[in-house]
Structure formats: structure tokens, C-alpha cells
């Protein structure tokens, strides 16, 4: 029985096999190869991508002390407390600016 293997399948299989062989080697050698690949990736990225295009990094001082993570149900601002007391009757969502039809929405209570 003759099995046909396309060139693409052969190359993919070869690359996967070489990768697996590399991972079975000495941990130190693998770590050195991975570090070298990471340095190459970072160097290439710095050459072709503008530094302004990267996500900014923030310090501890930049983090708001009153930040509530997603899922918080009780913000502590005075505006929110006021809205809770009025059952959000005064809450509005205003859509304006560069839109065809500016609108103003409120909650149906």
C-alpha cells in the first residue's frame, strides 16, 4: 500500500517533529533556545512597530484607589447613591456628536 504525502503535510509534520525533539532535550538548552527566540521576537517587534502602538504600562501610582472591578454592584460615588435612591429615574444615555440622529434615552421604570 502506497501512502501519498503532500509537500505541505510533510513540512508541517517535519516541523512538529523537530519541535518535539527539541522539547525532549536538556531543560537548560531548551530554555536558552526559548530565550533567544524571545529576544529575536522583541528585537523584530521594536524594528517594525512604533512604540506608541504598544499598550501603555502603568505604575501602582496610576491605579485609582476607588476602582471597582467588573461585577461590582455597589459603587461608592455620590452620583450613584443618588441614582439608587431615585431608582434611576433621572438616568440618561445621551448619544450625540458625529451621529446622524442624536438621541437621549432613559430607563423605563
N, C-alpha and C. Protein backbone atom coordinates (compact mmCIF):
# COMPACT_ATOMS: atom_id res chain seq x y z
N UNK A 1 0.84 -1.18 0.00
CA UNK A 1 0.00 0.00 0.00
C UNK A 1 0.89 1.24 0.00
N UNK A 2 0.63 2.13 -0.93
CA UNK A 2 1.44 3.33 -1.07
C UNK A 2 0.67 4.53 -0.51
N UNK A 3 1.29 5.29 0.39
CA UNK A 3 0.66 6.46 1.00
C UNK A 3 1.25 7.71 0.38
N UNK A 4 0.39 8.56 -0.14
CA UNK A 4 0.86 9.82 -0.71
C UNK A 4 0.86 10.88 0.38
N UNK A 5 1.95 11.59 0.47
CA UNK A 5 2.06 12.68 1.43
C UNK A 5 2.40 13.94 0.64
N UNK A 6 1.57 14.97 0.81
CA UNK A 6 1.83 16.22 0.10
C UNK A 6 3.05 16.91 0.70
N UNK A 7 3.63 17.79 -0.06
CA UNK A 7 4.80 18.53 0.40
C UNK A 7 4.45 19.35 1.65
N UNK A 8 3.27 19.97 1.63
CA UNK A 8 2.84 20.79 2.78
C UNK A 8 2.71 19.93 4.04
N UNK A 9 2.06 18.77 3.92
CA UNK A 9 1.88 17.88 5.08
C UNK A 9 3.23 17.39 5.59
N UNK A 10 4.16 17.11 4.65
CA UNK A 10 5.50 16.67 5.05
C UNK A 10 6.23 17.76 5.84
N UNK A 11 6.15 19.01 5.34
CA UNK A 11 6.84 20.11 6.02
C UNK A 11 6.23 20.38 7.40
N UNK A 12 4.90 20.33 7.49
CA UNK A 12 4.25 20.54 8.79
C UNK A 12 4.64 19.44 9.76
N UNK A 13 4.62 18.20 9.28
CA UNK A 13 5.00 17.07 10.14
C UNK A 13 6.45 17.15 10.58
N UNK A 14 7.32 17.57 9.66
CA UNK A 14 8.75 17.70 9.99
C UNK A 14 8.96 18.78 11.05
N UNK A 15 8.29 19.92 10.87
CA UNK A 15 8.44 21.00 11.85
C UNK A 15 7.92 20.57 13.21
N UNK A 16 6.79 19.88 13.23
CA UNK A 16 6.25 19.40 14.51
C UNK A 16 7.19 18.39 15.15
N UNK A 17 7.76 17.51 14.33
CA UNK A 17 8.70 16.52 14.87
C UNK A 17 9.95 17.16 15.43
N UNK A 18 10.50 18.13 14.71
CA UNK A 18 11.69 18.82 15.20
C UNK A 18 11.39 19.59 16.50
N UNK A 19 10.21 20.17 16.55
CA UNK A 19 9.82 20.87 17.78
C UNK A 19 9.71 19.91 18.95
N UNK A 20 9.14 18.74 18.72
CA UNK A 20 9.00 17.75 19.78
C UNK A 20 10.37 17.25 20.22
N UNK A 21 11.27 17.03 19.27
CA UNK A 21 12.62 16.58 19.62
C UNK A 21 13.33 17.65 20.46
N UNK A 22 13.14 18.91 20.07
CA UNK A 22 13.77 20.00 20.83
C UNK A 22 13.26 20.08 22.25
N UNK A 23 11.99 19.77 22.46
CA UNK A 23 11.43 19.84 23.81
C UNK A 23 11.85 18.68 24.69
N UNK A 24 12.33 17.59 24.08
CA UNK A 24 12.76 16.45 24.90
C UNK A 24 14.19 16.61 25.37
N UNK A 25 14.88 17.63 24.89
CA UNK A 25 16.28 17.83 25.24
C UNK A 25 16.46 18.35 26.65
N UNK A 26 17.66 18.71 26.94
CA UNK A 26 18.02 19.23 28.26
C UNK A 26 17.25 20.52 28.53
N UNK A 27 16.73 20.64 29.73
CA UNK A 27 15.94 21.82 30.08
C UNK A 27 16.73 23.12 29.88
N UNK A 28 17.99 23.10 30.19
CA UNK A 28 18.81 24.30 30.06
C UNK A 28 18.94 24.72 28.60
N UNK A 29 19.14 23.76 27.72
CA UNK A 29 19.28 24.06 26.30
C UNK A 29 17.96 24.60 25.75
N UNK A 30 16.87 23.96 26.12
CA UNK A 30 15.55 24.41 25.66
C UNK A 30 15.30 25.83 26.14
N UNK A 31 15.62 26.12 27.39
CA UNK A 31 15.41 27.46 27.94
C UNK A 31 16.26 28.49 27.19
N UNK A 32 17.49 28.13 26.84
CA UNK A 32 18.35 29.04 26.08
C UNK A 32 17.76 29.32 24.70
N UNK A 33 17.23 28.29 24.04
CA UNK A 33 16.63 28.47 22.72
C UNK A 33 15.39 29.35 22.82
N UNK A 34 14.57 29.11 23.83
CA UNK A 34 13.37 29.93 24.01
C UNK A 34 13.73 31.38 24.32
N UNK A 35 14.74 31.61 25.15
CA UNK A 35 15.19 32.97 25.46
C UNK A 35 15.70 33.67 24.20
N UNK A 36 16.44 32.94 23.38
CA UNK A 36 16.96 33.52 22.15
C UNK A 36 15.81 33.87 21.21
N UNK A 37 14.82 32.99 21.11
CA UNK A 37 13.67 33.27 20.26
C UNK A 37 12.89 34.48 20.77
N UNK A 38 12.77 34.61 22.08
CA UNK A 38 12.06 35.76 22.66
C UNK A 38 12.80 37.06 22.37
N UNK A 39 14.14 37.04 22.50
CA UNK A 39 14.93 38.25 22.20
C UNK A 39 14.79 38.62 20.73
N UNK A 40 14.80 37.61 19.86
CA UNK A 40 14.65 37.87 18.42
C UNK A 40 13.27 38.47 18.13
N UNK A 41 12.24 37.93 18.76
CA UNK A 41 10.89 38.44 18.56
C UNK A 41 10.78 39.89 19.03
N UNK A 42 11.30 40.19 20.22
CA UNK A 42 11.24 41.55 20.75
C UNK A 42 12.04 42.52 19.89
N UNK A 43 13.20 42.10 19.42
CA UNK A 43 14.01 42.98 18.56
C UNK A 43 13.29 43.27 17.26
N UNK A 44 12.70 42.25 16.66
CA UNK A 44 11.95 42.44 15.42
C UNK A 44 10.77 43.36 15.64
N UNK A 45 10.07 43.15 16.74
CA UNK A 45 8.91 43.99 17.06
C UNK A 45 9.33 45.44 17.21
N UNK A 46 10.44 45.70 17.88
CA UNK A 46 10.90 47.06 18.08
C UNK A 46 11.29 47.72 16.76
N UNK A 47 11.74 46.92 15.80
CA UNK A 47 12.12 47.48 14.49
C UNK A 47 10.92 47.87 13.65
N UNK A 48 9.85 47.07 13.70
CA UNK A 48 8.75 47.29 12.77
C UNK A 48 7.51 47.93 13.38
N UNK A 49 7.43 48.01 14.71
CA UNK A 49 6.24 48.57 15.35
C UNK A 49 6.62 49.84 16.11
N UNK A 50 5.82 50.87 15.93
CA UNK A 50 6.06 52.12 16.64
C UNK A 50 5.85 51.92 18.14
N UNK A 51 6.68 52.49 18.99
CA UNK A 51 6.49 52.35 20.43
C UNK A 51 5.14 52.88 20.91
N UNK A 52 4.57 53.85 20.19
CA UNK A 52 3.27 54.40 20.58
C UNK A 52 2.14 53.39 20.31
N UNK A 53 2.39 52.39 19.45
CA UNK A 53 1.35 51.42 19.11
C UNK A 53 1.18 50.36 20.20
N UNK A 54 2.13 50.25 21.09
CA UNK A 54 2.05 49.24 22.14
C UNK A 54 1.15 49.71 23.28
N UNK A 55 0.60 48.76 24.00
CA UNK A 55 -0.24 49.09 25.14
C UNK A 55 0.61 49.76 26.22
N UNK A 56 0.12 50.85 26.80
CA UNK A 56 0.91 51.52 27.83
C UNK A 56 1.01 50.68 29.09
N UNK A 57 2.10 50.84 29.81
CA UNK A 57 2.27 50.16 31.09
C UNK A 57 2.09 51.19 32.19
N UNK A 58 1.41 50.80 33.25
CA UNK A 58 1.11 51.73 34.33
C UNK A 58 1.80 51.31 35.62
N UNK A 59 2.08 52.30 36.45
CA UNK A 59 2.68 52.02 37.75
C UNK A 59 1.57 51.90 38.79
N UNK A 60 1.93 51.51 39.99
CA UNK A 60 0.96 51.42 41.09
C UNK A 60 0.32 52.78 41.36
N UNK A 61 1.09 53.87 41.17
CA UNK A 61 0.57 55.21 41.43
C UNK A 61 -0.52 55.61 40.44
N UNK A 62 -0.55 54.97 39.26
CA UNK A 62 -1.54 55.30 38.24
C UNK A 62 -2.90 54.64 38.49
N UNK A 63 -2.95 53.69 39.40
CA UNK A 63 -4.18 52.94 39.64
C UNK A 63 -5.08 53.71 40.60
N UNK A 64 -6.33 53.87 40.24
CA UNK A 64 -7.28 54.61 41.06
C UNK A 64 -7.57 53.85 42.35
N UNK A 65 -7.57 54.52 43.49
CA UNK A 65 -7.86 53.83 44.75
C UNK A 65 -9.33 53.43 44.86
N UNK A 66 -10.21 54.05 44.07
CA UNK A 66 -11.63 53.72 44.16
C UNK A 66 -12.10 52.89 42.98
N UNK A 67 -11.17 52.22 42.30
CA UNK A 67 -11.54 51.40 41.15
C UNK A 67 -12.28 50.15 41.60
N UNK A 68 -13.40 49.89 40.95
CA UNK A 68 -14.17 48.68 41.25
C UNK A 68 -14.04 47.73 40.08
N UNK A 69 -13.67 46.50 40.31
CA UNK A 69 -13.57 45.55 39.21
C UNK A 69 -14.93 45.25 38.61
N UNK A 70 -14.92 44.66 37.43
CA UNK A 70 -16.18 44.27 36.78
C UNK A 70 -17.00 43.41 37.71
N UNK A 71 -18.30 43.63 37.70
CA UNK A 71 -19.17 42.84 38.54
C UNK A 71 -19.48 43.49 39.87
N UNK A 72 -18.86 44.65 40.13
CA UNK A 72 -19.13 45.36 41.38
C UNK A 72 -20.58 45.83 41.35
N UNK A 73 -21.29 45.65 42.45
CA UNK A 73 -22.70 46.04 42.47
C UNK A 73 -22.95 47.27 43.32
N UNK A 74 -21.93 47.78 43.95
CA UNK A 74 -22.16 48.91 44.84
C UNK A 74 -21.07 49.97 44.71
N UNK A 75 -21.06 50.73 43.61
CA UNK A 75 -20.11 51.85 43.54
C UNK A 75 -20.37 52.83 44.68
N UNK A 76 -19.35 53.53 45.11
CA UNK A 76 -19.50 54.39 46.28
C UNK A 76 -19.56 55.89 45.94
N UNK A 77 -19.80 56.24 44.69
CA UNK A 77 -19.85 57.65 44.35
C UNK A 77 -21.19 58.26 44.79
N UNK A 78 -21.20 59.54 45.05
CA UNK A 78 -22.41 60.24 45.46
C UNK A 78 -23.46 60.21 44.35
N UNK A 79 -23.01 60.31 43.09
CA UNK A 79 -23.95 60.27 41.96
C UNK A 79 -24.69 58.94 41.91
N UNK A 80 -23.96 57.85 42.12
CA UNK A 80 -24.59 56.53 42.07
C UNK A 80 -25.58 56.36 43.22
N UNK A 81 -25.20 56.79 44.41
CA UNK A 81 -26.10 56.69 45.57
C UNK A 81 -27.38 57.47 45.29
N UNK A 82 -27.26 58.66 44.70
CA UNK A 82 -28.43 59.47 44.35
C UNK A 82 -29.32 58.73 43.35
N UNK A 83 -28.71 58.11 42.34
CA UNK A 83 -29.48 57.38 41.33
C UNK A 83 -30.20 56.17 41.94
N UNK A 84 -29.57 55.50 42.87
CA UNK A 84 -30.21 54.36 43.54
C UNK A 84 -31.43 54.85 44.31
N UNK A 85 -31.28 55.96 45.00
CA UNK A 85 -32.40 56.49 45.80
C UNK A 85 -33.59 56.87 44.93
N UNK A 86 -33.33 57.35 43.71
CA UNK A 86 -34.43 57.74 42.81
C UNK A 86 -34.79 56.62 41.84
N UNK A 87 -34.24 55.43 42.08
CA UNK A 87 -34.47 54.25 41.23
C UNK A 87 -34.12 54.54 39.77
N UNK A 88 -33.06 55.30 39.57
CA UNK A 88 -32.50 55.64 38.26
C UNK A 88 -33.50 56.40 37.37
N UNK A 89 -34.46 57.06 37.96
CA UNK A 89 -35.45 57.82 37.19
C UNK A 89 -34.81 58.98 36.42
N UNK A 90 -33.72 59.54 36.94
CA UNK A 90 -33.06 60.67 36.29
C UNK A 90 -31.91 60.26 35.38
N UNK A 91 -31.64 58.96 35.27
CA UNK A 91 -30.51 58.49 34.46
C UNK A 91 -30.81 58.69 32.99
N UNK A 92 -29.83 59.16 32.25
CA UNK A 92 -29.97 59.38 30.81
C UNK A 92 -28.73 58.86 30.08
N UNK A 93 -28.97 58.34 28.89
CA UNK A 93 -27.89 57.97 27.98
C UNK A 93 -28.02 58.89 26.79
N UNK A 94 -27.06 59.80 26.64
CA UNK A 94 -27.11 60.78 25.57
C UNK A 94 -26.16 60.33 24.46
N UNK A 95 -26.69 60.22 23.25
CA UNK A 95 -25.89 59.87 22.09
C UNK A 95 -25.88 61.08 21.18
N UNK A 96 -24.70 61.70 21.05
CA UNK A 96 -24.59 62.89 20.23
C UNK A 96 -23.21 62.93 19.60
N UNK A 97 -22.90 64.01 18.99
CA UNK A 97 -21.60 64.13 18.32
C UNK A 97 -21.75 63.83 16.85
N UNK A 98 -20.86 63.03 16.30
CA UNK A 98 -20.86 62.75 14.87
C UNK A 98 -21.78 61.56 14.56
N UNK A 99 -23.06 61.72 14.85
CA UNK A 99 -24.06 60.70 14.55
C UNK A 99 -25.15 61.33 13.69
N UNK A 100 -25.87 60.51 12.96
CA UNK A 100 -26.94 61.03 12.11
C UNK A 100 -28.14 61.52 12.91
N UNK A 101 -28.47 60.78 13.98
CA UNK A 101 -29.65 61.12 14.76
C UNK A 101 -29.29 61.16 16.25
N UNK A 102 -28.95 62.33 16.78
CA UNK A 102 -28.69 62.41 18.21
C UNK A 102 -29.92 61.98 18.98
N UNK A 103 -29.73 61.25 20.08
CA UNK A 103 -30.86 60.76 20.87
C UNK A 103 -30.53 60.88 22.35
N UNK A 104 -31.57 60.80 23.14
CA UNK A 104 -31.45 60.83 24.59
C UNK A 104 -32.36 59.73 25.13
N UNK A 105 -31.76 58.74 25.81
CA UNK A 105 -32.53 57.62 26.32
C UNK A 105 -32.61 57.66 27.84
N UNK A 106 -33.69 57.07 28.38
CA UNK A 106 -33.79 56.90 29.82
C UNK A 106 -34.30 55.50 30.08
N UNK A 107 -34.13 55.04 31.30
CA UNK A 107 -34.61 53.72 31.67
C UNK A 107 -36.12 53.73 31.80
N UNK A 108 -36.76 52.68 31.38
CA UNK A 108 -38.20 52.52 31.57
C UNK A 108 -38.42 51.88 32.93
N UNK A 109 -38.95 52.63 33.89
CA UNK A 109 -39.18 52.06 35.22
C UNK A 109 -40.65 51.99 35.53
